[in-house]
């Protein structure tokens, strides 16, 4: 796995660019994370909840029908959609809530885009009886109303953020503002591999269970490592988790797929956003540019610092898929395999369909199915009738 120094730097990216009082909070968080992450009792408790509550390990499913229809490489689906709450987000939420408990936090806050991280956080807080506030862009609360209801059903307070575009970036702004005001009692359970150190490192650590499992599973099924690992990318949590245990395997291609409408890593430039440095989409005034994607979870103008580093060093490839292509893949996987993918995951599926045709029949692709599409069915239904 990529080495980073104590300041959370990945090459020139990452770090911590925050007010002094917040830096003190983050230093304490980093110290607690380093203390507990390798502690046998913490590791045992984390694995217990992943197994007994989340339902891991989840399958690595051979998409036999899709492979036959498309031709070319074998396509395997890492089934994060089968996790409790329906996405990869619960892996990190469980890890961080256990850390919050050990740090004595009496309140948890989080940001959410598509609502999956919000639901995962609300779920974890309900499980451990900790009050929870979720910040969500006003625009996203409207297109993901079902997830808002789920969060509230689980006992969370959902705060619609009307500032800016009313999307994920604005939700992060609001959550960071809350943390600065209430840092003495509040734990910020960040959902993606973004933000100031130690958040990107923490999220990668808890999400690396994805590639830990898939690496073992593909060797059992195929007797070899995959040709490529593909994952959608917004902030970068499911992708970095999917890549983690393959980073040192030079012959395994790592491919991140982002929306053409929010192509932070393929079109971005180095800049500081939300307290860390990454490749960022900027407008003419040097401010984070407005973004739009049909997938709320990918609608972010920045990217995780480790992904920024992989892009500049060439260790991973990053490509774009249009909303129309993602919708086509959404329908294709549903009809051919009987699996309805999240719109976020549909971007990765769309590129995988293209890539498989370019590879040989003895090649193998693992695509991370980061979430199930139940949350998106109403949105797609309405879109098709507009």
Protein backbone atom coordinates (compact mmCIF):
# COMPACT_ATOMS: atom_id res chain seq x y z
CA UNK A 1 0.00 0.00 0.00
CA UNK A 2 1.10 3.58 -0.63
CA UNK A 3 3.23 5.03 2.13
CA UNK A 4 2.30 8.40 3.56
CA UNK A 5 4.09 10.48 6.16
CA UNK A 6 2.73 11.67 9.49
CA UNK A 7 1.15 14.71 7.82
CA UNK A 8 -0.94 12.49 5.55
CA UNK A 9 0.86 13.46 2.36
CA UNK A 10 0.72 11.37 -0.81
CA UNK A 11 3.35 13.03 -2.93
CA UNK A 12 2.25 16.67 -3.04
CA UNK A 13 -1.35 15.85 -2.16
CA UNK A 14 -3.19 15.53 1.14
CA UNK A 15 -1.99 17.25 4.28
CA UNK A 16 -4.05 19.42 6.59
CA UNK A 17 -4.93 23.05 5.88
CA UNK A 18 -7.31 23.97 8.70
CA UNK A 19 -7.67 26.53 11.53
CA UNK A 20 -5.45 25.96 14.56
CA UNK A 21 -8.27 24.87 16.88
CA UNK A 22 -9.46 22.29 14.34
CA UNK A 23 -5.89 21.07 13.83
CA UNK A 24 -5.73 20.27 17.53
CA UNK A 25 -8.85 18.14 17.14
CA UNK A 26 -7.43 16.37 14.10
CA UNK A 27 -4.13 15.70 15.86
CA UNK A 28 -6.07 14.01 18.65
CA UNK A 29 -8.06 12.00 16.12
CA UNK A 30 -4.87 10.89 14.33
CA UNK A 31 -3.31 9.84 17.63
CA UNK A 32 -6.41 7.86 18.62
CA UNK A 33 -6.58 6.17 15.22
CA UNK A 34 -2.92 5.13 15.34
CA UNK A 35 -3.38 3.86 18.90
CA UNK A 36 -6.47 1.75 18.24
CA UNK A 37 -6.32 0.58 14.61
CA UNK A 38 -3.84 -2.24 15.32
CA UNK A 39 -5.00 -2.96 18.86
CA UNK A 40 -6.14 -6.61 18.98
CA UNK A 41 -9.34 -5.79 20.89
CA UNK A 42 -10.30 -3.04 18.44
CA UNK A 43 -9.55 -5.25 15.43
CA UNK A 44 -11.56 -8.13 16.90
CA UNK A 45 -14.55 -5.88 17.60
CA UNK A 46 -14.39 -4.35 14.10
CA UNK A 47 -14.28 -7.78 12.47
CA UNK A 48 -17.11 -8.98 14.70
CA UNK A 49 -19.46 -6.23 13.50
CA UNK A 50 -18.39 -6.64 9.88
CA UNK A 51 -19.29 -10.30 10.12
CA UNK A 52 -22.36 -10.33 12.38
CA UNK A 53 -23.91 -6.94 11.54
CA UNK A 54 -22.74 -5.93 8.06
CA UNK A 55 -22.82 -9.50 6.70
CA UNK A 56 -19.28 -9.86 5.42
CA UNK A 57 -17.63 -11.43 3.66
CA UNK A 58 -19.81 -10.65 0.68
CA UNK A 59 -19.61 -12.60 -2.60
CA UNK A 60 -17.41 -12.07 -5.63
CA UNK A 61 -20.02 -12.99 -8.24
CA UNK A 62 -19.12 -14.14 -11.74
CA UNK A 63 -21.39 -12.16 -14.08
CA UNK A 64 -21.82 -15.13 -16.41
CA UNK A 65 -24.66 -13.75 -18.52
CA UNK A 66 -23.05 -10.36 -18.94
CA UNK A 67 -19.69 -11.89 -19.82
CA UNK A 68 -21.30 -14.10 -22.45
CA UNK A 69 -23.28 -11.24 -23.95
CA UNK A 70 -20.41 -8.73 -24.06
CA UNK A 71 -17.58 -11.09 -24.99
CA UNK A 72 -13.95 -10.74 -24.04
CA UNK A 73 -12.77 -10.77 -20.43
CA UNK A 74 -14.56 -12.48 -17.54
CA UNK A 75 -16.44 -9.96 -15.39
CA UNK A 76 -16.68 -10.44 -11.62
CA UNK A 77 -18.81 -8.24 -9.34
CA UNK A 78 -17.62 -7.49 -5.80
CA UNK A 79 -21.00 -7.36 -4.06
CA UNK A 80 -20.88 -4.38 -1.70
CA UNK A 81 -24.56 -3.95 -2.59
CA UNK A 82 -25.31 -6.95 -0.36
CA UNK A 83 -23.97 -5.25 2.78
CA UNK A 84 -26.39 -4.14 5.48
CA UNK A 85 -27.65 -0.67 4.40
CA UNK A 86 -26.90 -1.53 0.76
CA UNK A 87 -23.44 -0.09 0.05
CA UNK A 88 -19.77 -0.04 0.99
CA UNK A 89 -20.27 2.96 3.29
CA UNK A 90 -21.16 0.82 6.30
CA UNK A 91 -17.60 -0.62 6.45
CA UNK A 92 -16.12 2.76 7.31
CA UNK A 93 -19.07 3.82 9.47
CA UNK A 94 -18.59 0.81 11.76
CA UNK A 95 -14.85 1.40 12.03
CA UNK A 96 -15.21 5.07 12.84
CA UNK A 97 -18.10 4.64 15.29
CA UNK A 98 -15.97 2.19 17.28
CA UNK A 99 -13.22 4.81 17.32
CA UNK A 100 -15.68 7.53 18.37
CA UNK A 101 -16.86 5.33 21.22
CA UNK A 102 -13.29 4.89 22.46
CA UNK A 103 -12.69 8.64 22.23
CA UNK A 104 -15.72 9.36 24.42
CA UNK A 105 -17.69 11.30 21.78
CA UNK A 106 -21.24 12.15 22.82
CA UNK A 107 -22.41 13.34 19.38
CA UNK A 108 -21.68 12.29 15.78
CA UNK A 109 -22.04 14.35 12.61
CA UNK A 110 -21.61 13.39 8.98
CA UNK A 111 -22.07 14.63 5.43
CA UNK A 112 -23.81 12.70 2.69
CA UNK A 113 -24.44 13.02 -1.05
CA UNK A 114 -26.54 10.12 -2.30
CA UNK A 115 -27.54 9.36 1.26
CA UNK A 116 -25.78 6.00 1.56
CA UNK A 117 -23.12 7.30 3.95
CA UNK A 118 -25.80 9.15 5.88
CA UNK A 119 -27.84 5.97 6.23
CA UNK A 120 -24.74 3.99 7.25
CA UNK A 121 -23.82 6.61 9.86
CA UNK A 122 -27.37 6.80 11.20
CA UNK A 123 -27.41 3.00 11.39
CA UNK A 124 -24.14 2.84 13.32
CA UNK A 125 -25.27 5.61 15.68
CA UNK A 126 -28.55 3.80 16.33
CA UNK A 127 -26.64 0.61 17.08
CA UNK A 128 -24.40 2.38 19.61
CA UNK A 129 -26.99 4.88 20.91
CA UNK A 130 -25.12 8.06 19.95
CA UNK A 131 -27.03 11.19 18.78
CA UNK A 132 -26.45 11.87 15.09
CA UNK A 133 -26.80 14.86 12.77
CA UNK A 134 -26.44 14.44 8.99
CA UNK A 135 -25.77 17.34 6.62
CA UNK A 136 -27.11 16.86 3.10
CA UNK A 137 -27.40 19.31 0.21
CA UNK A 138 -30.95 20.54 -0.33
CA UNK A 139 -30.86 19.40 -3.97
CA UNK A 140 -29.74 15.93 -2.89
CA UNK A 141 -32.46 15.65 -0.22
CA UNK A 142 -35.02 16.09 -2.99
CA UNK A 143 -33.61 13.51 -5.41
CA UNK A 144 -32.82 11.05 -2.59
CA UNK A 145 -35.92 11.58 -0.46
CA UNK A 146 -36.16 7.88 0.40
CA UNK A 147 -32.72 7.93 2.03
CA UNK A 148 -33.66 11.06 3.98
CA UNK A 149 -36.64 9.16 5.40
CA UNK A 150 -34.42 6.16 6.19
CA UNK A 151 -31.97 8.37 8.12
CA UNK A 152 -34.80 9.97 10.09
CA UNK A 153 -36.37 6.55 10.73
CA UNK A 154 -33.03 5.49 12.24
CA UNK A 155 -33.13 8.46 14.61
CA UNK A 156 -30.82 10.92 12.84
CA UNK A 157 -31.47 14.61 12.39
CA UNK A 158 -31.09 15.51 8.69
CA UNK A 159 -30.13 19.12 7.98
CA UNK A 160 -30.77 20.27 4.36
CA UNK A 161 -27.98 22.62 3.25
CA UNK A 162 -29.23 25.36 0.94
CA UNK A 163 -25.90 27.17 0.47
CA UNK A 164 -24.08 26.94 -2.88
CA UNK A 165 -25.54 24.32 -5.19
CA UNK A 166 -27.12 22.43 -2.33
CA UNK A 167 -24.97 19.38 -3.09
CA UNK A 168 -22.22 17.28 -1.51
CA UNK A 169 -19.56 20.00 -1.39
CA UNK A 170 -21.94 22.26 0.50
CA UNK A 171 -22.82 19.47 2.93
CA UNK A 172 -19.11 19.01 3.70
CA UNK A 173 -18.76 22.78 4.26
CA UNK A 174 -21.62 22.69 6.77
CA UNK A 175 -20.30 19.63 8.59
CA UNK A 176 -16.82 21.14 8.96
CA UNK A 177 -18.39 24.34 10.29
CA UNK A 178 -20.29 22.30 12.89
CA UNK A 179 -17.12 20.49 13.92
CA UNK A 180 -15.24 23.75 14.44
CA UNK A 181 -18.03 25.02 16.71
CA UNK A 182 -18.63 21.78 18.63
CA UNK A 183 -15.30 19.94 18.52
CA UNK A 184 -15.18 19.27 22.27
CA UNK A 185 -18.08 16.79 22.15
CA UNK A 186 -18.48 15.97 18.46
CA UNK A 187 -16.97 13.27 16.25
CA UNK A 188 -17.09 13.95 12.50
CA UNK A 189 -17.64 10.61 10.76
CA UNK A 190 -16.39 11.54 7.29
CA UNK A 191 -17.61 9.21 4.57
CA UNK A 192 -15.13 9.50 1.73
CA UNK A 193 -11.36 9.33 1.31
CA UNK A 194 -11.11 13.13 1.33
CA UNK A 195 -10.59 15.89 3.89
CA UNK A 196 -7.61 16.81 6.04
CA UNK A 197 -5.35 14.16 7.58
CA UNK A 198 -6.12 11.65 9.08
CA UNK A 199 -9.49 11.17 7.30
CA UNK A 200 -8.21 9.79 3.94
CA UNK A 201 -5.95 7.31 5.73
CA UNK A 202 -8.69 6.24 8.14
CA UNK A 203 -11.26 5.70 5.41
CA UNK A 204 -8.82 3.69 3.31
CA UNK A 205 -7.95 1.53 6.32
CA UNK A 206 -11.57 0.61 7.01
CA UNK A 207 -12.56 0.23 3.34
CA UNK A 208 -9.55 -1.94 2.45
CA UNK A 209 -11.61 -4.93 3.57
CA UNK A 210 -13.08 -4.81 0.03
CA UNK A 211 -9.82 -5.64 -1.73
CA UNK A 212 -8.62 -7.90 1.09
CA UNK A 213 -11.60 -10.13 0.37
CA UNK A 214 -11.65 -9.82 -3.42
CA UNK A 215 -7.96 -10.70 -3.73
CA UNK A 216 -8.44 -13.90 -1.77
CA UNK A 217 -11.67 -14.72 -3.60
CA UNK A 218 -10.34 -14.24 -7.14
CA UNK A 219 -7.32 -16.45 -6.44
CA UNK A 220 -9.68 -19.13 -5.15
CA UNK A 221 -11.93 -18.82 -8.23
CA UNK A 222 -9.41 -18.19 -11.02
CA UNK A 223 -6.06 -19.15 -9.55
CA UNK A 224 -4.60 -15.75 -10.42
CA UNK A 225 -4.89 -12.03 -9.84
CA UNK A 226 -7.26 -9.94 -11.96
CA UNK A 227 -6.15 -8.12 -15.07
CA UNK A 228 -7.95 -5.00 -13.85
CA UNK A 229 -9.90 -3.69 -10.87
CA UNK A 230 -12.55 -1.10 -11.74
CA UNK A 231 -14.47 1.18 -9.38
CA UNK A 232 -16.54 4.35 -9.65
CA UNK A 233 -15.03 7.43 -8.07
CA UNK A 234 -16.49 10.56 -6.54
CA UNK A 235 -14.49 11.35 -3.43
CA UNK A 236 -12.83 7.97 -3.72
CA UNK A 237 -13.70 5.70 -0.79
CA UNK A 238 -15.00 2.62 -2.59
CA UNK A 239 -12.24 2.92 -5.18
CA UNK A 240 -9.40 3.21 -2.68
CA UNK A 241 -10.87 0.26 -0.77
CA UNK A 242 -11.09 -1.73 -4.00
CA UNK A 243 -7.50 -0.86 -4.95
CA UNK A 244 -5.74 -1.11 -1.57
CA UNK A 245 -4.46 -4.69 -1.62
CA UNK A 246 -3.53 -4.53 -5.31
CA UNK A 247 -1.47 -1.32 -5.20
CA UNK A 248 1.82 -3.23 -4.98
CA UNK A 249 0.73 -5.71 -7.69
CA UNK A 250 2.21 -3.90 -10.69
CA UNK A 251 0.54 -6.14 -13.27
CA UNK A 252 -2.97 -5.36 -11.98
CA UNK A 253 -4.52 -2.32 -13.65
CA UNK A 254 -6.38 0.00 -11.28
CA UNK A 255 -9.11 2.00 -13.01
CA UNK A 256 -11.24 4.72 -11.44
CA UNK A 257 -14.37 5.81 -13.32
CA UNK A 258 -15.82 9.26 -12.71
CA UNK A 259 -18.79 11.10 -14.23
CA UNK A 260 -18.00 13.17 -17.31
CA UNK A 261 -20.07 15.94 -15.71
CA UNK A 262 -17.84 16.04 -12.58
CA UNK A 263 -14.44 14.92 -13.86
CA UNK A 264 -12.33 16.17 -10.96
CA UNK A 265 -9.36 13.89 -11.47
CA UNK A 266 -9.19 13.84 -15.26
CA UNK A 267 -9.73 17.59 -15.67
CA UNK A 268 -8.78 19.02 -12.26
CA UNK A 269 -5.70 20.95 -11.12
CA UNK A 270 -3.87 20.88 -7.76
CA UNK A 271 -5.70 23.04 -5.21
CA UNK A 272 -6.75 23.07 -1.57
CA UNK A 273 -10.38 22.18 -0.84
CA UNK A 274 -11.97 21.24 2.49
CA UNK A 275 -8.63 21.36 4.29
CA UNK A 276 -6.54 19.16 1.97
CA UNK A 277 -4.77 19.39 -1.38
CA UNK A 278 -6.03 17.39 -4.34
CA UNK A 279 -6.90 17.61 -8.01
CA UNK A 280 -9.88 19.97 -8.10
CA UNK A 281 -12.24 21.43 -10.67
CA UNK A 282 -11.92 25.23 -10.42
CA UNK A 283 -13.88 28.04 -12.04
CA UNK A 284 -12.41 31.21 -13.56
CA UNK A 285 -12.14 32.78 -10.11
CA UNK A 286 -10.10 29.88 -8.75
CA UNK A 287 -13.00 28.58 -6.64
CA UNK A 288 -14.39 25.01 -6.72
CA UNK A 289 -16.48 24.75 -9.87
CA UNK A 290 -20.15 23.71 -9.91
CA UNK A 291 -20.61 20.03 -10.74
CA UNK A 292 -23.55 17.88 -11.72
CA UNK A 293 -23.99 14.15 -12.00
CA UNK A 294 -27.05 11.93 -12.10
CA UNK A 295 -25.29 10.05 -9.28
CA UNK A 296 -25.35 12.24 -6.17
CA UNK A 297 -22.52 10.26 -4.58
CA UNK A 298 -20.14 11.22 -7.40
CA UNK A 299 -21.08 14.91 -7.44
CA UNK A 300 -17.92 16.43 -5.89
CA UNK A 301 -15.38 18.91 -7.37
CA UNK A 302 -12.37 17.30 -5.67
CA UNK A 303 -10.92 13.83 -5.24
CA UNK A 304 -9.08 11.84 -2.59
CA UNK A 305 -5.39 12.80 -2.23
CA UNK A 306 -4.12 9.27 -2.81
CA UNK A 307 -6.08 9.09 -6.07
CA UNK A 308 -4.55 12.44 -7.04
CA UNK A 309 -1.14 10.91 -6.38
CA UNK A 310 -1.94 7.79 -8.40
CA UNK A 311 -3.05 9.96 -11.30
CA UNK A 312 0.19 11.98 -11.36
CA UNK A 313 2.42 8.92 -10.92
CA UNK A 314 0.48 6.77 -13.38
CA UNK A 315 -0.16 3.92 -10.93
CA UNK A 316 -3.88 4.09 -11.64
CA UNK A 317 -5.92 5.05 -14.68
CA UNK A 318 -8.88 7.42 -14.50
CA UNK A 319 -11.59 7.64 -17.13
CA UNK A 320 -14.98 9.27 -17.55
CA UNK A 321 -18.46 7.97 -18.32
CA UNK A 322 -21.47 10.10 -19.24
CA UNK A 323 -24.75 9.98 -17.36
CA UNK A 324 -26.39 8.47 -20.42
CA UNK A 325 -23.83 5.64 -20.54
CA UNK A 326 -24.32 5.00 -16.82
CA UNK A 327 -28.09 4.79 -17.28
CA UNK A 328 -27.63 2.29 -20.07
CA UNK A 329 -25.42 0.14 -17.83
CA UNK A 330 -27.98 0.50 -15.00
CA UNK A 331 -30.58 -1.10 -17.24
CA UNK A 332 -28.20 -3.66 -18.75
CA UNK A 333 -27.05 -5.19 -15.46
CA UNK A 334 -30.62 -5.20 -14.17
CA UNK A 335 -31.98 -7.06 -17.19
CA UNK A 336 -29.08 -9.42 -17.87
CA UNK A 337 -28.03 -10.41 -14.32
CA UNK A 338 -31.07 -9.49 -12.22
CA UNK A 339 -28.96 -7.06 -10.17
CA UNK A 340 -30.02 -3.39 -9.95
CA UNK A 341 -26.85 -1.32 -9.36
CA UNK A 342 -26.62 2.12 -7.78
CA UNK A 343 -26.19 4.93 -10.31
CA UNK A 344 -22.72 5.48 -8.86
CA UNK A 345 -21.75 1.86 -9.47
CA UNK A 346 -23.37 2.02 -12.92
CA UNK A 347 -20.54 4.30 -14.06
CA UNK A 348 -18.04 1.56 -13.23
CA UNK A 349 -20.22 -1.07 -14.91
CA UNK A 350 -20.46 1.07 -18.05
CA UNK A 351 -16.69 1.31 -18.42
CA UNK A 352 -16.26 -2.39 -17.62
CA UNK A 353 -18.53 -3.30 -20.54
CA UNK A 354 -16.27 -1.29 -22.81
CA UNK A 355 -13.05 -2.66 -21.32
CA UNK A 356 -14.11 -6.32 -21.43
CA UNK A 357 -14.47 -6.19 -25.23
CA UNK A 358 -10.88 -4.96 -25.53
CA UNK A 359 -9.41 -7.82 -23.48
CA UNK A 360 -8.93 -11.52 -24.12
CA UNK A 361 -11.19 -14.30 -22.83
CA UNK A 362 -8.58 -15.39 -20.28
CA UNK A 363 -8.42 -11.90 -18.78
CA UNK A 364 -10.37 -11.14 -15.60
CA UNK A 365 -11.99 -7.88 -14.46
CA UNK A 366 -13.22 -7.21 -10.94
CA UNK A 367 -15.69 -4.33 -10.82
CA UNK A 368 -16.76 -3.05 -7.44
CA UNK A 369 -20.53 -2.96 -7.22
CA UNK A 370 -20.39 -0.27 -4.54
CA UNK A 371 -24.12 -0.11 -3.83
CA UNK A 372 -27.57 -1.33 -4.77
CA UNK A 373 -29.90 0.74 -6.91
CA UNK A 374 -33.06 0.69 -4.78
CA UNK A 375 -32.39 4.30 -3.81
CA UNK A 376 -32.25 5.33 -7.48
CA UNK A 377 -35.27 3.55 -8.95
CA UNK A 378 -37.67 6.44 -8.31
CA UNK A 379 -35.17 8.96 -9.70
CA UNK A 380 -34.65 6.93 -12.89
CA UNK A 381 -38.41 6.37 -13.20
CA UNK A 382 -39.01 10.12 -13.13
CA UNK A 383 -36.10 10.87 -15.48
CA UNK A 384 -37.44 8.47 -18.11
CA UNK A 385 -40.83 10.16 -18.04
CA UNK A 386 -39.67 13.78 -18.27
